[in-house]
Protein backbone atom coordinates (compact mmCIF):
# COMPACT_ATOMS: atom_id res chain seq x y z
CA MET A 1 6.67 -23.82 19.98
CA ASN A 2 10.05 -22.12 19.74
CA ARG A 3 11.46 -20.01 22.58
CA LEU A 4 13.01 -16.57 22.99
CA GLY A 5 15.43 -15.30 25.62
CA ALA A 6 16.39 -16.56 29.04
CA ARG A 7 12.75 -16.65 30.12
CA GLY A 8 11.83 -18.94 27.24
CA ILE A 9 9.09 -16.77 25.74
CA PRO A 10 7.08 -19.09 23.44
CA VAL A 11 6.49 -18.16 19.79
CA SER A 12 4.59 -20.14 17.19
CA ALA A 13 6.38 -20.98 13.94
CA LEU A 14 3.78 -18.93 12.08
CA SER A 15 2.86 -15.63 13.70
CA PHE A 16 0.42 -12.78 13.11
CA GLY A 17 1.64 -9.39 11.90
CA ALA A 18 -0.90 -6.75 12.87
CA ALA A 19 -0.01 -3.86 10.54
CA GLY A 20 -2.91 -4.79 8.27
CA ILE A 21 -5.53 -4.39 11.01
CA GLY A 22 -4.08 -0.91 11.56
CA ASN A 23 -5.51 0.00 8.13
CA LEU A 24 -2.31 -0.50 6.15
CA TYR A 25 -3.07 0.84 2.64
CA ALA A 26 -6.86 0.61 3.08
CA GLU A 27 -9.55 0.62 5.74
CA VAL A 28 -10.45 -2.50 7.69
CA THR A 29 -13.50 -2.54 9.95
CA ASP A 30 -13.32 -3.35 13.65
CA GLU A 31 -15.26 -6.54 12.95
CA GLN A 32 -12.86 -7.64 10.18
CA ALA A 33 -9.88 -6.97 12.45
CA TYR A 34 -11.45 -8.96 15.28
CA GLU A 35 -12.20 -11.89 12.96
CA ALA A 36 -8.64 -11.85 11.59
CA VAL A 37 -7.13 -12.14 15.08
CA THR A 38 -9.56 -14.76 16.35
CA THR A 39 -9.11 -16.81 13.18
CA ALA A 40 -5.36 -16.69 13.77
CA TRP A 41 -5.95 -18.07 17.25
CA ALA A 42 -8.23 -20.80 15.90
CA SER A 43 -5.52 -21.67 13.35
CA GLY A 44 -2.98 -22.30 16.11
CA ILE A 45 -1.10 -18.99 15.90
CA ARG A 46 0.06 -17.92 19.35
CA TYR A 47 2.43 -15.01 18.62
CA PHE A 48 1.03 -11.59 17.69
CA ASP A 49 3.17 -8.59 16.72
CA THR A 50 2.09 -4.96 16.60
CA ALA A 51 3.51 -1.41 16.96
CA PRO A 52 2.35 2.14 17.71
CA HIS A 53 3.36 3.08 14.15
CA TYR A 54 0.66 0.83 12.67
CA GLY A 55 -2.34 3.06 12.15
CA LEU A 56 -1.27 5.56 14.82
CA GLY A 57 -2.13 3.10 17.57
CA LEU A 58 -5.17 1.54 15.87
CA SER A 59 -3.44 -1.82 15.42
CA GLU A 60 -2.62 -2.04 19.13
CA ARG A 61 -6.17 -1.12 20.18
CA ARG A 62 -7.74 -3.66 17.82
CA LEU A 63 -5.30 -6.42 18.70
CA GLY A 64 -5.84 -5.90 22.41
CA ALA A 65 -9.63 -5.93 21.99
CA ALA A 66 -9.52 -9.19 20.03
CA LEU A 67 -7.22 -10.92 22.51
CA ARG A 68 -9.08 -9.75 25.61
CA ASP A 69 -11.19 -12.86 26.12
CA LEU A 70 -8.39 -15.34 25.34
CA PRO A 71 -6.21 -16.88 28.09
CA ARG A 72 -3.29 -14.46 28.57
CA GLU A 73 -0.80 -17.16 29.51
CA ARG A 74 -1.32 -18.92 26.16
CA TYR A 75 -0.28 -16.19 23.72
CA THR A 76 2.73 -13.96 23.18
CA VAL A 77 2.50 -10.28 22.24
CA SER A 78 5.27 -8.04 20.98
CA THR A 79 5.17 -4.33 20.35
CA LYS A 80 7.78 -1.72 19.52
CA VAL A 81 9.30 1.51 20.77
CA GLY A 82 11.01 4.42 19.06
CA ARG A 83 8.05 6.41 17.77
CA LEU A 84 6.01 8.36 20.30
CA LEU A 85 2.49 9.35 19.25
CA GLU A 86 1.70 12.96 20.07
CA PRO A 87 -1.72 14.55 19.47
CA ALA A 88 -1.99 16.64 16.32
CA ASP A 89 -4.82 18.75 14.94
CA THR A 90 -3.72 19.08 11.34
CA GLY A 91 -6.65 17.22 9.76
CA GLY A 92 -6.32 14.93 6.80
CA ASP A 93 -5.21 11.32 6.83
CA ASP A 94 -2.08 9.25 7.44
CA LEU A 95 -1.80 7.74 3.96
CA ALA A 96 1.57 9.40 3.41
CA ASP A 97 2.83 6.94 6.03
CA GLY A 98 0.79 4.11 4.56
CA PHE A 99 -2.23 3.98 6.87
CA ALA A 100 -5.84 4.84 6.06
CA VAL A 101 -6.59 6.54 9.38
CA PRO A 102 -7.24 10.17 10.38
CA ALA A 103 -4.04 12.05 11.17
CA THR A 104 -4.99 12.60 14.81
CA HIS A 105 -1.40 12.14 16.00
CA ARG A 106 2.11 12.69 14.76
CA ARG A 107 5.04 10.35 15.19
CA VAL A 108 8.04 11.66 17.10
CA TRP A 109 11.25 9.66 16.96
CA ASP A 110 12.61 8.97 20.43
CA PHE A 111 15.01 6.17 21.36
CA GLY A 112 15.94 7.80 24.66
CA ALA A 113 15.39 5.98 27.93
CA ASP A 114 12.41 8.13 28.90
CA GLY A 115 10.93 7.84 25.40
CA VAL A 116 11.20 4.05 25.53
CA ARG A 117 9.33 3.89 28.84
CA ARG A 118 6.68 6.39 27.75
CA SER A 119 6.11 4.50 24.52
CA LEU A 120 5.73 1.17 26.30
CA ASP A 121 3.32 2.63 28.87
CA ALA A 122 1.16 4.08 26.08
CA SER A 123 1.21 0.77 24.21
CA LEU A 124 0.06 -1.13 27.30
CA GLU A 125 -2.84 1.27 27.68
CA ARG A 126 -3.89 0.86 24.05
CA LEU A 127 -3.53 -2.93 24.22
CA GLY A 128 -5.36 -3.15 27.53
CA LEU A 129 -2.61 -5.40 28.92
CA ASP A 130 -0.53 -5.23 32.08
CA HIS A 131 2.54 -6.49 30.22
CA VAL A 132 3.86 -7.42 26.82
CA ASP A 133 6.21 -10.33 26.30
CA VAL A 134 8.64 -8.88 23.74
CA VAL A 135 9.60 -5.28 22.96
CA TYR A 136 11.57 -4.27 19.88
CA LEU A 137 13.41 -1.05 19.07
CA HIS A 138 11.59 -0.11 15.86
CA ASP A 139 13.52 1.11 12.81
CA PRO A 140 16.43 2.91 14.52
CA ASP A 141 18.14 3.34 11.11
CA ASP A 142 18.82 7.07 11.49
CA HIS A 143 19.14 6.97 15.27
CA ALA A 144 21.86 4.39 15.80
CA GLU A 145 23.83 6.29 18.43
CA GLN A 146 20.81 6.94 20.65
CA ALA A 147 19.45 3.42 20.13
CA PHE A 148 22.71 1.77 21.22
CA ARG A 149 23.57 4.27 23.97
CA GLU A 150 20.11 4.82 25.51
CA GLY A 151 17.31 2.80 23.93
CA PHE A 152 18.77 -0.67 24.23
CA PRO A 153 20.07 -0.19 27.80
CA ALA A 154 16.59 1.06 28.76
CA LEU A 155 15.04 -2.11 27.37
CA ALA A 156 17.69 -4.21 29.11
CA GLU A 157 16.78 -2.56 32.42
CA LEU A 158 13.07 -3.28 31.85
CA ARG A 159 14.00 -6.89 31.12
CA SER A 160 16.07 -7.17 34.30
CA GLN A 161 13.15 -5.74 36.29
CA GLY A 162 10.84 -8.36 34.81
CA VAL A 163 8.66 -5.73 33.10
CA VAL A 164 9.22 -7.45 29.74
CA GLY A 165 10.33 -10.99 29.03
CA ALA A 166 12.52 -10.48 25.97
CA ILE A 167 13.95 -7.52 24.05
CA GLY A 168 14.97 -7.07 20.47
CA VAL A 169 15.30 -4.85 17.42
CA GLY A 170 13.07 -4.81 14.34
CA MET A 171 14.27 -3.36 11.04
CA ASN A 172 14.06 -3.60 7.27
CA GLN A 173 17.85 -3.76 6.90
CA THR A 174 20.51 -6.23 7.98
CA PRO A 175 23.76 -4.35 8.79
CA MET A 176 22.51 -2.72 12.00
CA LEU A 177 20.66 -5.86 13.06
CA THR A 178 23.92 -7.76 12.64
CA ARG A 179 25.67 -5.17 14.80
CA PHE A 180 23.05 -5.61 17.55
CA VAL A 181 23.51 -9.38 17.39
CA ARG A 182 27.29 -9.07 17.70
CA GLU A 183 27.56 -6.20 20.19
CA THR A 184 24.64 -6.64 22.62
CA ASP A 185 22.85 -9.36 24.54
CA VAL A 186 19.72 -8.94 22.45
CA ASP A 187 17.20 -11.79 22.82
CA VAL A 188 15.77 -11.69 19.29
CA VAL A 189 15.85 -9.67 16.09
CA LEU A 190 12.99 -9.10 13.68
CA CYS A 191 14.20 -8.84 10.10
CA ALA A 192 11.53 -7.61 7.68
CA GLY A 193 11.75 -8.17 3.95
CA ARG A 194 15.42 -9.11 3.78
CA TYR A 195 15.07 -12.88 3.77
CA THR A 196 12.49 -13.81 1.17
CA LEU A 197 12.29 -15.54 -2.18
CA LEU A 198 13.13 -12.17 -3.74
CA ASP A 199 15.70 -10.81 -1.28
CA HIS A 200 18.35 -13.02 0.29
CA GLY A 201 20.34 -10.22 1.96
CA ALA A 202 20.12 -11.64 5.48
CA LEU A 203 21.89 -14.81 4.36
CA THR A 204 25.26 -13.07 4.02
CA GLU A 205 25.94 -11.81 7.56
CA LEU A 206 22.87 -11.54 9.78
CA LEU A 207 21.69 -15.14 9.81
CA PRO A 208 25.20 -16.64 10.21
CA ALA A 209 25.93 -14.18 13.05
CA ALA A 210 22.60 -14.97 14.73
CA GLN A 211 23.26 -18.68 14.44
CA GLU A 212 26.75 -18.30 15.86
CA ARG A 213 25.56 -16.20 18.80
CA GLY A 214 22.40 -18.21 19.43
CA VAL A 215 20.11 -15.24 18.75
CA PRO A 216 16.69 -16.23 17.37
CA VAL A 217 15.44 -14.41 14.27
CA VAL A 218 11.84 -13.58 13.44
CA ILE A 219 11.27 -13.00 9.73
CA GLY A 220 8.71 -10.41 8.75
CA GLY A 221 7.65 -9.36 5.29
CA ALA A 222 7.86 -12.84 3.79
CA PHE A 223 5.61 -11.57 0.99
CA ASN A 224 7.71 -8.38 0.60
CA SER A 225 4.62 -6.34 1.56
CA GLY A 226 2.42 -7.92 -1.10
CA LEU A 227 4.37 -8.76 -4.25
CA LEU A 228 4.94 -12.41 -3.35
CA ALA A 229 1.34 -12.85 -2.22
CA ASP A 230 -0.16 -11.71 -5.52
CA PRO A 231 2.31 -10.58 -8.20
CA ARG A 232 0.52 -8.26 -10.63
CA PRO A 233 0.95 -4.73 -11.98
CA GLY A 234 0.56 -2.29 -9.09
CA ALA A 235 1.53 -4.85 -6.42
CA THR A 236 3.63 -3.45 -3.59
CA TYR A 237 7.22 -4.24 -2.68
CA ASP A 238 8.65 -2.67 0.47
CA TYR A 239 5.48 -0.55 0.78
CA ALA A 240 5.79 1.02 -2.69
CA VAL A 241 4.75 -0.06 -6.19
CA ALA A 242 7.05 -2.89 -7.26
CA PRO A 243 9.62 -2.07 -9.97
CA ASP A 244 9.08 -3.88 -13.28
CA GLY A 245 12.16 -6.08 -12.84
CA LEU A 246 11.02 -7.39 -9.48
CA LEU A 247 7.48 -7.92 -10.75
CA GLU A 248 8.86 -10.01 -13.63
CA ARG A 249 10.95 -12.06 -11.19
CA ALA A 250 7.93 -12.63 -8.91
CA LEU A 251 5.80 -13.71 -11.88
CA ARG A 252 8.54 -16.13 -12.89
CA LEU A 253 8.55 -17.57 -9.38
CA LYS A 254 4.77 -17.91 -9.51
CA GLU A 255 4.94 -19.77 -12.83
CA ILE A 256 7.58 -22.19 -11.54
CA THR A 257 5.78 -22.90 -8.26
CA GLY A 258 2.57 -23.55 -10.19
CA ARG A 259 4.31 -26.05 -12.44
CA HIS A 260 5.41 -27.93 -9.33
CA GLY A 261 1.86 -28.18 -8.04
CA THR A 262 2.16 -25.67 -5.23
CA THR A 263 1.64 -21.93 -4.76
CA LEU A 264 3.95 -18.95 -4.58
CA ARG A 265 2.52 -18.06 -1.18
CA ALA A 266 3.32 -21.51 0.22
CA ALA A 267 6.90 -21.31 -1.07
CA ALA A 268 7.29 -17.74 0.21
CA LEU A 269 6.35 -18.82 3.74
CA ALA A 270 8.31 -22.08 3.68
CA PHE A 271 11.59 -20.59 2.46
CA PRO A 272 12.50 -18.32 5.42
CA ALA A 273 11.18 -20.84 7.94
CA ALA A 274 13.76 -23.39 6.77
CA HIS A 275 16.77 -21.47 8.10
CA PRO A 276 17.92 -22.88 11.47
CA ALA A 277 18.27 -19.38 12.98
CA VAL A 278 14.63 -18.52 12.22
CA VAL A 279 12.09 -19.23 14.96
CA SER A 280 8.98 -17.64 13.47
CA VAL A 281 7.64 -16.19 10.23
CA LEU A 282 5.34 -13.19 10.64
CA ALA A 283 2.46 -13.18 8.17
CA GLY A 284 0.64 -9.89 7.88
CA ALA A 285 -3.11 -10.33 7.37
CA ARG A 286 -6.13 -8.03 7.36
CA SER A 287 -9.01 -10.54 7.18
CA ALA A 288 -10.06 -13.98 8.36
CA ALA A 289 -9.72 -15.28 4.79
CA GLU A 290 -6.12 -14.07 4.53
CA VAL A 291 -5.25 -15.66 7.87
CA ARG A 292 -6.79 -18.99 6.87
CA ASP A 293 -4.93 -18.91 3.57
CA CYS A 294 -1.60 -18.20 5.30
CA ALA A 295 -2.15 -21.00 7.83
CA GLU A 296 -3.11 -23.47 5.11
CA ARG A 297 -0.21 -22.47 2.85
CA PHE A 298 2.25 -22.67 5.77
CA ALA A 299 1.12 -26.23 6.50
CA GLU A 300 1.35 -27.19 2.83
CA PRO A 301 4.33 -29.41 1.91
CA VAL A 302 6.41 -27.83 -0.85
CA PRO A 303 7.86 -30.33 -3.35
CA PRO A 304 11.65 -30.75 -3.04
CA ASP A 305 11.98 -30.51 -6.81
CA LEU A 306 10.82 -26.90 -6.63
CA TRP A 307 13.86 -25.87 -4.60
CA ARG A 308 16.09 -27.80 -6.97
CA GLU A 309 14.73 -25.88 -9.96
CA LEU A 310 14.90 -22.50 -8.23
CA ARG A 311 18.58 -23.12 -7.51
CA ALA A 312 19.23 -24.32 -11.06
CA GLN A 313 17.53 -21.20 -12.45
CA GLY A 314 19.65 -18.94 -10.23
CA LEU A 315 16.62 -17.78 -8.27
CA LEU A 316 17.93 -19.14 -4.95
CA PRO A 317 21.51 -19.17 -3.64
CA ALA A 318 23.03 -22.61 -3.32
CA THR A 319 23.84 -21.82 0.32
CA ALA A 320 20.24 -21.03 1.31
CA PRO A 321 18.69 -23.79 3.46
CA VAL A 322 15.41 -25.18 2.13
CA PRO A 323 12.75 -27.27 3.88
CA GLN A 324 14.17 -30.47 2.44
CA GLN A 325 17.80 -30.34 1.37
CA VAL A 326 18.28 -31.37 -2.26
């Protein structure tokens, strides 16, 4: 187990991303969601990440229901703040935001101190928990001033009061995460999609800054929202259909990993985990089968010759750490 913050919040090296059980892209039944979470537990995963954004609260409700009968002191839960869910009666669905759920609520951006507290209270109610271990500011890209001036200080106050154990920021970009690492006493940052076999952006500034400041990094989106899990026409990259150039690159990676006797999924999980600043890799899963596959692939040794060839082919930077230095 790795640890976060002054309170030493434990996180497993492989963690469970709960967007999928919030009906990301397509419907998942309550039973499938329950089986995904309990299979993660049986596979040794002890860190579970969710957010109000995921299925308009459905992910939090399902995660909480699945964890209810497990010993609370043995798992870590993180959720996020920044989007309040307000009732809406517009009809239709939420697929425009990526989730196959009825549009019963609308998201309202709010990184103010009151909004942070209201969001956390609502999350606790949906999760059925009296506390969460980690809270992230979620996607404050267009709200930087309020996030730095109000949102982060509000989280810091909740941390000092013992309401939460660790605080952080979760984003799909690296410049603002780097700023949080350098300018605040953030406990952890969650970087989604920017440190993968296809995107090495975090290697330039974020990961060196985090290493220098001793700030742990959780990597989300190791499969770039689907492309690295199963590269094929129509596969998604950053929650949209992958451009042809990226699909060709992913297919090339798949061919090379296959020649080395491993899988693209195993390499995609192993690569970000090898960086010394990274404490956990979040794997999004929507079924027990997907969870089992992720756990098995994460435990699978990746041949050192693979990393050597990826570097030689210009598919990995020479400066990127790999599981076994070559």
